[in-house]
Protein backbone atom coordinates (compact mmCIF):
# COMPACT_ATOMS: atom_id res chain seq x y z
CA UNK A 1 -4.44 2.03 -2.94
CA UNK A 2 -1.81 4.68 -2.44
CA UNK A 3 0.10 6.06 0.53
CA UNK A 4 0.77 9.61 1.67
CA UNK A 5 2.66 11.27 4.53
CA UNK A 6 4.36 14.60 5.15
CA UNK A 7 8.05 14.81 4.23
CA UNK A 8 9.13 16.01 7.68
CA UNK A 9 7.75 16.08 11.23
CA UNK A 10 8.92 18.34 14.04
CA UNK A 11 10.02 16.93 17.41
CA UNK A 12 6.54 17.29 18.94
CA UNK A 13 4.56 16.21 15.86
CA UNK A 14 2.75 12.89 15.68
CA UNK A 15 3.34 11.40 12.21
CA UNK A 16 0.17 10.81 10.22
CA UNK A 17 0.01 8.19 7.48
CA UNK A 18 -2.81 8.21 4.94
CA UNK A 19 -4.00 5.19 2.99
CA UNK A 20 -5.95 6.31 -0.05
CA UNK A 21 -8.40 4.08 -1.93
CA UNK A 22 -9.62 5.38 -5.28
CA UNK A 23 -12.51 3.65 -6.99
CA UNK A 24 -12.30 4.20 -10.75
CA UNK A 25 -15.18 1.84 -11.53
CA UNK A 26 -18.85 2.62 -12.05
CA UNK A 27 -19.89 0.50 -9.06
CA UNK A 28 -19.40 1.04 -5.34
CA UNK A 29 -16.93 -1.20 -3.57
CA UNK A 30 -15.37 -1.57 -0.14
CA UNK A 31 -11.77 -1.52 1.03
CA UNK A 32 -10.37 -3.21 4.16
CA UNK A 33 -8.18 -0.76 6.05
CA UNK A 34 -7.88 -3.03 9.11
CA UNK A 35 -4.39 -3.26 10.68
CA UNK A 36 -3.87 -6.85 9.55
CA UNK A 37 -5.02 -6.34 5.96
CA UNK A 38 -3.58 -2.93 5.09
CA UNK A 39 -0.26 -3.30 6.92
CA UNK A 40 1.87 -0.22 7.56
CA UNK A 41 5.51 -0.59 8.60
CA UNK A 42 8.15 1.96 9.57
CA UNK A 43 11.83 1.10 9.11
CA UNK A 44 14.95 3.18 9.74
CA UNK A 45 16.47 4.33 6.44
CA UNK A 46 20.07 3.19 6.20
CA UNK A 47 19.73 1.15 9.38
CA UNK A 48 21.84 -1.93 10.04
CA UNK A 49 18.88 -4.23 9.49
CA UNK A 50 15.62 -4.08 7.61
CA UNK A 51 13.46 -5.01 10.60
CA UNK A 52 10.59 -2.58 11.09
CA UNK A 53 10.63 -0.50 14.27
CA UNK A 54 6.83 -0.26 14.11
CA UNK A 55 4.06 -2.12 12.32
CA UNK A 56 0.29 -1.70 12.37
CA UNK A 57 -0.09 -5.48 12.64
CA UNK A 58 1.95 -5.69 15.88
CA UNK A 59 -0.63 -6.10 18.62
CA UNK A 60 -3.24 -3.62 17.33
CA UNK A 61 -5.88 -2.35 19.75
CA UNK A 62 -8.58 -3.51 17.31
CA UNK A 63 -7.49 -6.29 14.96
CA UNK A 64 -10.83 -6.66 13.20
CA UNK A 65 -11.26 -5.78 9.54
CA UNK A 66 -12.12 -2.14 8.91
CA UNK A 67 -14.22 -2.05 5.76
CA UNK A 68 -14.95 1.39 4.33
CA UNK A 69 -17.36 1.97 1.47
CA UNK A 70 -15.80 3.56 -1.60
CA UNK A 71 -18.53 4.98 -3.86
CA UNK A 72 -18.16 4.70 -7.64
CA UNK A 73 -15.67 7.27 -8.92
CA UNK A 74 -14.80 8.42 -5.40
CA UNK A 75 -11.76 8.43 -3.13
CA UNK A 76 -11.65 7.46 0.55
CA UNK A 77 -8.79 8.31 2.91
CA UNK A 78 -8.00 6.37 6.08
CA UNK A 79 -5.54 8.11 8.43
CA UNK A 80 -3.29 6.35 10.94
CA UNK A 81 -1.51 8.38 13.62
CA UNK A 82 1.79 7.03 14.97
CA UNK A 83 2.93 8.16 18.40
CA UNK A 84 6.56 7.25 17.61
CA UNK A 85 6.58 4.30 20.00
CA UNK A 86 8.27 1.09 18.90
CA UNK A 87 6.38 -2.17 18.46
CA UNK A 88 7.14 -5.89 18.46
CA UNK A 89 5.49 -8.84 16.66
CA UNK A 90 2.94 -11.05 18.44
CA UNK A 91 2.45 -8.54 21.30
CA UNK A 92 5.96 -9.14 22.62
CA UNK A 93 7.47 -6.38 24.76
CA UNK A 94 8.90 -3.77 22.37
CA UNK A 95 12.22 -2.03 22.97
CA UNK A 96 11.95 0.92 25.34
CA UNK A 97 11.85 4.45 24.04
CA UNK A 98 10.60 6.15 20.93
CA UNK A 99 11.85 6.61 17.39
CA UNK A 100 14.91 8.86 17.28
CA UNK A 101 15.36 11.79 14.89
CA UNK A 102 16.32 10.58 11.41
CA UNK A 103 14.99 9.38 8.08
CA UNK A 104 12.44 6.58 7.94
CA UNK A 105 10.84 4.43 5.27
CA UNK A 106 7.10 3.83 5.36
CA UNK A 107 5.56 0.87 3.54
CA UNK A 108 1.95 -0.13 2.99
CA UNK A 109 1.08 -3.69 1.96
CA UNK A 110 -2.39 -4.95 1.11
CA UNK A 111 -3.49 -8.14 -0.66
CA UNK A 112 -3.54 -7.82 -4.44
CA UNK A 113 -2.03 -4.32 -4.45
CA UNK A 114 1.60 -3.37 -5.19
CA UNK A 115 3.62 -2.30 -2.13
CA UNK A 116 3.41 1.46 -1.61
CA UNK A 117 6.43 3.33 -0.21
CA UNK A 118 7.18 6.79 1.15
CA UNK A 119 9.93 8.33 3.26
CA UNK A 120 9.80 10.93 6.00
CA UNK A 121 12.09 12.66 8.48
CA UNK A 122 11.69 13.00 12.22
CA UNK A 123 13.47 16.30 12.85
CA UNK A 124 15.67 17.12 15.85
CA UNK A 125 14.77 19.84 18.37
């Protein structure tokens, strides 16, 4: 699995994160892109703490597994849009507001796969 996002987003853009599963085998397989299996987190770069400001596992609308078929020799892309709102673990009330302009680190974690990282900028007006 790999991770992809644009380098920079304008003030009115909704960041889009892409999880990419590539099947290099000769047999079809399936990949779980559910929010609790393929976990995406966004953290402020250079922030005072390493706590994520948003995570796909924080109170997702649909927490069920999301299995997608990956045919032999094929690639499947699962896109996640982020509306810049903050989140909190276990459905707690998140801090008010949205992510401020700045540089952010995006991480994708999935069982049995090395952590994937990317960075992006939320530009000012």
